Structures are given as C-alpha cells and as structure tokens.
Amino acid sequence: MRRPSLPALLPALLLPALLGACTPAVSGAGPVQASTPVSGVSFYPQESGLAWSYLLEGEDTGTAPYVLRALGPTVFAGQRVVAFQLTGRGADQTWFRTVGAGGAQLLGLRKPGVNVRLDPPWQEYPAENAWRVGLTWQGQSEITISGDEGTVQKRGQLNYSYVVQERRSVQTPGGRFDVWVVTRQISDTVGGLFPATQQLWFAPFVGEVRSPEGLLLTGRNFTTRSGGQ
C-alpha cells in the first residue's frame, strides 16, 4: 500500500482547519452534567473521566459541541503520561501530557494514521505557584512526524513563547470564570502545525475556558469551589 506523503498528512494535523468545517445543528444540546466530586479535581485537571464541551466563538449554543475527555494514564514514547482526546464533528485528536504541580508538558499528539512527538516536551503551562501577570516562558522542541507503522515522515523544530497578560473575569456559555489570559506564539519548520499567535484563557481547577484554537467552554461534568460555577 502506498504511504501518504507528508503534504497529505499535515492538513489532518491542523485542528483549526477541522474546527472551521461545516457544523450541523442539533436540538436539545446542553452542557455535560456534573458527576465528578470537587475533591477529585487537580489545579490542572487531569483525572480520568473528566469531560469538557466546547463551541467555536460565535456559534449558536444549539450547535453540536466538541468534547474533550481526560482518558487517564497511558504510556507515550516510553514515558507515563495522561491522554486527552478531542472528538466531535469530524475531529479526533489525542494529546499526551505529563501534568503536576510543576506544570503541564506536551510530549506529543496523534490523529488517525499520524503521530507527532516533541523532544524535549513542550512546556504548555508553568508551575502552579508561578502564575502572575507578566510571567513569561519559552522553549524549543524537535518535532518528529511519523505514521502508525513508525516510519518517520519529517523532522523539524518548534519554537514557542508565552506571556501572561492579565487576570480577569469572563463569561462563556459554560458560566463565569476567573481566568488567566495568556498569549501564545508558535513557529515551526514543518509547515505550521499550530496557529502562529493565539490567546487562551486558563482557570485553575477548571481547565481551558478558551483554547488556543478559539474554542469556548460550554459545559463540563464536574464542579469546583474556585475558578467557576
């Protein structure tokens, strides 16, 4: 069987392109119901079974949502990680992270037939006690793109930088949250796997209220005493 070329693989990795696809409306759509006790949720939520629903900014609340789920511990590139999977409306993408008091690091991600590894891991979030307005961090990782059979399709470099702009209260269809507003800048040498510049909102014990892809939180299956309703 002929293996797809890298140009054919790269568009499948571009989540923003997927999110801009045609979106069917559904009736009776609503937030995921609460079921996980507050005592079981970490500063950076990662517990197995947690789920978040999202819509693109400006979409009607009756639109079918994207759903992010914490799948729990697994092994990726020989390391113990936590897997998070986003599905819905044709999207199917899984991230592999180490998460703890020292922050969140992304080791890689996959879509059907395509795997991306980052070495060293990409520091997505800082240590829990490091958050403050003006905080910055940056880094560089080698990107390796391969197929499910393990054949390397391409290698390149990823450069990233973050700055915490402010802390403010925001309202989304999922409720009102006290968030850290962060600007993320990305560049790479493999064709632009990620949006170059994006803003995200993070709420402790809640997660991403606005993702770098422009998804707004509409519901979750857990509640917390801090950071939101």
Protein backbone atom coordinates (compact mmCIF):
# COMPACT_ATOMS: atom_id res chain seq x y z
CA MET A 1 0.00 0.00 0.00
CA ARG A 2 1.33 3.41 -0.91
CA ARG A 3 2.08 5.56 2.15
CA PRO A 4 0.56 9.08 2.06
CA SER A 5 3.05 11.87 1.54
CA LEU A 6 3.75 14.47 4.20
CA PRO A 7 1.76 17.22 2.41
CA ALA A 8 -1.25 14.90 2.59
CA LEU A 9 -0.68 14.27 6.29
CA LEU A 10 -0.11 17.80 7.52
CA PRO A 11 -3.63 19.17 6.87
CA ALA A 12 -5.04 16.39 9.05
CA LEU A 13 -2.98 17.75 11.96
CA LEU A 14 -4.31 21.26 11.66
CA LEU A 15 -7.06 21.33 14.27
CA PRO A 16 -8.08 24.94 13.44
CA ALA A 17 -8.93 23.81 9.91
CA LEU A 18 -11.06 20.99 11.27
CA LEU A 19 -12.86 23.38 13.58
CA GLY A 20 -13.82 25.56 10.66
CA ALA A 21 -15.66 22.74 8.91
CA CYS A 22 -19.41 22.67 8.31
CA THR A 23 -21.20 22.26 11.63
CA PRO A 24 -24.65 20.63 11.84
CA ALA A 25 -27.15 21.95 14.38
CA VAL A 26 -28.76 19.67 16.91
CA SER A 27 -31.78 20.09 19.13
CA GLY A 28 -31.70 19.76 22.89
CA ALA A 29 -27.92 20.20 23.16
CA GLY A 30 -26.74 21.19 26.63
CA PRO A 31 -23.76 21.12 28.98
CA VAL A 32 -22.34 17.86 30.26
CA GLN A 33 -23.91 17.03 33.62
CA ALA A 34 -21.89 17.25 36.85
CA SER A 35 -20.74 13.93 38.24
CA THR A 36 -17.14 14.23 39.50
CA PRO A 37 -16.64 15.36 43.13
CA VAL A 38 -14.76 18.61 43.71
CA SER A 39 -12.15 16.91 45.90
CA GLY A 40 -11.01 14.84 42.93
CA VAL A 41 -10.05 17.72 40.61
CA SER A 42 -6.46 18.99 40.38
CA PHE A 43 -5.22 22.55 39.76
CA TYR A 44 -4.50 21.33 36.22
CA PRO A 45 -7.50 18.99 35.76
CA GLN A 46 -6.35 15.57 34.57
CA GLU A 47 -8.42 12.97 36.40
CA SER A 48 -9.80 10.08 34.34
CA GLY A 49 -13.39 10.68 33.26
CA LEU A 50 -13.35 14.47 33.31
CA ALA A 51 -15.07 15.96 30.25
CA TRP A 52 -15.47 19.44 28.77
CA SER A 53 -17.71 20.60 25.91
CA TYR A 54 -16.73 23.48 23.60
CA LEU A 55 -18.05 25.56 20.73
CA LEU A 56 -16.24 27.97 18.45
CA GLU A 57 -16.64 31.63 19.35
CA GLY A 58 -19.86 32.98 17.83
CA GLU A 59 -21.54 29.61 17.30
CA ASP A 60 -25.12 29.05 18.43
CA THR A 61 -25.46 27.06 21.65
CA GLY A 62 -27.63 24.55 19.80
CA THR A 63 -24.69 23.51 17.62
CA ALA A 64 -23.16 20.09 18.18
CA PRO A 65 -20.19 20.58 20.54
CA TYR A 66 -16.63 19.36 20.51
CA VAL A 67 -15.95 17.20 23.56
CA LEU A 68 -12.59 16.93 25.34
CA ARG A 69 -12.09 13.96 27.66
CA ALA A 70 -9.33 13.02 30.09
CA LEU A 71 -8.69 9.38 29.21
CA GLY A 72 -6.30 8.68 32.08
CA PRO A 73 -2.76 7.32 32.37
CA THR A 74 -1.02 5.65 29.43
CA VAL A 75 2.50 5.32 28.02
CA PHE A 76 3.85 7.50 25.20
CA ALA A 77 7.45 7.48 23.96
CA GLY A 78 8.37 5.28 26.90
CA GLN A 79 7.03 7.70 29.50
CA ARG A 80 3.98 7.60 31.73
CA VAL A 81 1.58 10.33 30.58
CA VAL A 82 -2.06 11.40 30.72
CA ALA A 83 -4.07 11.27 27.48
CA PHE A 84 -6.68 13.87 26.47
CA GLN A 85 -8.91 13.27 23.43
CA LEU A 86 -10.96 15.82 21.48
CA THR A 87 -13.80 14.46 19.34
CA GLY A 88 -16.88 15.74 17.53
CA ARG A 89 -17.85 16.98 14.07
CA GLY A 90 -15.06 15.01 12.41
CA ALA A 91 -12.32 15.94 14.89
CA ASP A 92 -10.32 13.15 16.54
CA GLN A 93 -7.10 14.24 18.19
CA THR A 94 -5.31 12.96 21.29
CA TRP A 95 -2.67 14.83 23.31
CA PHE A 96 -0.15 13.11 25.61
CA ARG A 97 0.98 15.16 28.61
CA THR A 98 2.73 14.97 31.93
CA VAL A 99 0.76 17.07 34.43
CA GLY A 100 1.53 18.02 38.01
CA ALA A 101 2.47 20.82 40.40
CA GLY A 102 5.41 21.63 38.11
CA GLY A 103 3.07 22.44 35.22
CA ALA A 104 1.92 20.69 32.06
CA GLN A 105 4.25 19.38 29.35
CA LEU A 106 3.17 18.09 25.94
CA LEU A 107 5.15 15.06 24.73
CA GLY A 108 3.18 14.53 21.56
CA LEU A 109 -0.17 14.09 19.86
CA ARG A 110 -1.83 11.82 17.38
CA LYS A 111 -4.60 11.65 14.82
CA PRO A 112 -5.63 8.51 12.97
CA GLY A 113 -2.56 7.48 10.98
CA VAL A 114 -0.37 10.38 12.12
CA ASN A 115 1.82 10.73 15.21
CA VAL A 116 3.75 13.79 16.38
CA ARG A 117 6.49 13.58 19.01
CA LEU A 118 8.09 16.57 20.77
CA ASP A 119 11.56 16.28 22.33
CA PRO A 120 12.14 17.77 24.80
CA PRO A 121 8.47 18.10 25.82
CA TRP A 122 6.74 21.41 25.15
CA GLN A 123 6.07 23.35 28.38
CA GLU A 124 2.42 24.33 27.94
CA TYR A 125 1.77 25.62 31.48
CA PRO A 126 4.03 26.78 34.33
CA ALA A 127 4.30 25.50 37.90
CA GLU A 128 1.11 26.01 39.90
CA ASN A 129 2.68 28.63 42.17
CA ALA A 130 4.34 30.56 39.32
CA TRP A 131 1.22 32.24 37.89
CA ARG A 132 1.36 36.06 37.86
CA VAL A 133 0.72 38.88 35.42
CA GLY A 134 3.83 39.37 33.30
CA LEU A 135 5.08 35.79 33.65
CA THR A 136 6.84 34.55 30.50
CA TRP A 137 8.31 31.24 29.43
CA GLN A 138 9.64 29.84 26.18
CA GLY A 139 11.39 26.85 24.69
CA GLN A 140 12.28 24.75 21.68
CA SER A 141 11.45 21.15 20.77
CA GLU A 142 12.35 18.84 17.94
CA ILE A 143 9.25 17.66 16.05
CA THR A 144 9.11 14.15 14.61
CA ILE A 145 6.12 13.21 12.42
CA SER A 146 5.54 9.55 11.69
CA GLY A 147 2.85 7.13 10.57
CA ASP A 148 1.29 4.41 12.69
CA GLU A 149 3.81 1.93 11.33
CA GLY A 150 6.62 4.06 12.80
CA THR A 151 8.13 5.37 9.58
CA VAL A 152 9.38 8.95 10.06
CA GLN A 153 7.83 11.36 7.56
CA LYS A 154 9.53 14.57 8.60
CA ARG A 155 11.57 16.24 11.33
CA GLY A 156 11.79 19.90 12.27
CA GLN A 157 11.98 22.46 15.06
CA LEU A 158 9.23 24.07 17.13
CA ASN A 159 9.76 27.37 18.97
CA TYR A 160 7.20 28.62 21.48
CA SER A 161 6.78 31.53 23.86
CA TYR A 162 4.09 32.54 26.35
CA VAL A 163 3.21 35.69 28.27
CA VAL A 164 0.53 36.04 30.95
CA GLN A 165 -1.27 39.25 30.01
CA GLU A 166 -3.80 39.67 32.82
CA ARG A 167 -6.27 38.03 35.17
CA ARG A 168 -9.93 38.82 34.67
CA SER A 169 -13.48 37.53 34.94
CA VAL A 170 -15.05 36.22 31.73
CA GLN A 171 -18.49 34.89 30.80
CA THR A 172 -18.94 31.93 28.44
CA PRO A 173 -21.91 29.64 27.76
CA GLY A 174 -20.38 27.40 30.43
CA GLY A 175 -20.53 30.05 33.17
CA ARG A 176 -18.48 32.88 34.63
CA PHE A 177 -14.82 32.20 35.37
CA ASP A 178 -11.80 33.96 36.85
CA VAL A 179 -9.12 33.28 34.21
CA TRP A 180 -5.52 33.95 33.41
CA VAL A 181 -5.27 35.47 29.91
CA VAL A 182 -2.24 34.09 28.06
CA THR A 183 -0.82 34.90 24.62
CA ARG A 184 1.00 32.03 22.91
CA GLN A 185 3.32 32.41 19.91
CA ILE A 186 4.44 29.41 17.85
CA SER A 187 6.74 28.87 14.89
CA ASP A 188 7.97 25.63 13.33
CA THR A 189 9.85 24.33 10.32
CA VAL A 190 7.38 21.62 9.28
CA GLY A 191 4.65 23.68 7.66
CA GLY A 192 2.78 25.33 10.51
CA LEU A 193 1.28 22.60 12.70
CA PHE A 194 -0.13 25.13 15.17
CA PRO A 195 -1.67 28.63 14.96
CA ALA A 196 1.16 31.21 14.96
CA THR A 197 -0.33 33.53 17.62
CA GLN A 198 -3.31 32.75 19.79
CA GLN A 199 -4.86 33.80 23.08
CA LEU A 200 -6.04 31.26 25.63
CA TRP A 201 -7.86 31.54 28.96
CA PHE A 202 -6.97 29.22 31.80
CA ALA A 203 -8.92 28.82 35.06
CA PRO A 204 -7.34 26.77 37.88
CA PHE A 205 -9.30 23.61 38.74
CA VAL A 206 -11.41 24.15 35.58
CA GLY A 207 -9.01 24.00 32.62
CA GLU A 208 -9.05 25.91 29.35
CA VAL A 209 -12.04 28.25 29.21
CA ARG A 210 -10.81 29.41 25.79
CA SER A 211 -8.48 27.09 23.91
CA PRO A 212 -5.72 28.26 21.55
CA GLU A 213 -7.95 27.12 18.68
CA GLY A 214 -10.70 29.58 19.67
CA LEU A 215 -12.99 27.10 21.39
CA LEU A 216 -15.12 28.44 24.28
CA LEU A 217 -16.16 26.28 27.20
CA THR A 218 -19.88 25.48 27.20
CA GLY A 219 -20.07 22.73 29.82
CA ARG A 220 -18.21 20.17 31.95
CA ASN A 221 -19.05 17.13 34.02
CA PHE A 222 -17.53 18.43 37.26
CA THR A 223 -17.77 21.44 39.54
CA THR A 224 -15.26 23.28 41.72
CA ARG A 225 -15.33 25.72 44.61
CA SER A 226 -12.87 28.05 42.90
CA GLY A 227 -12.48 29.27 39.33
CA GLY A 228 -16.07 28.91 38.20
CA GLN A 229 -19.57 27.69 38.78
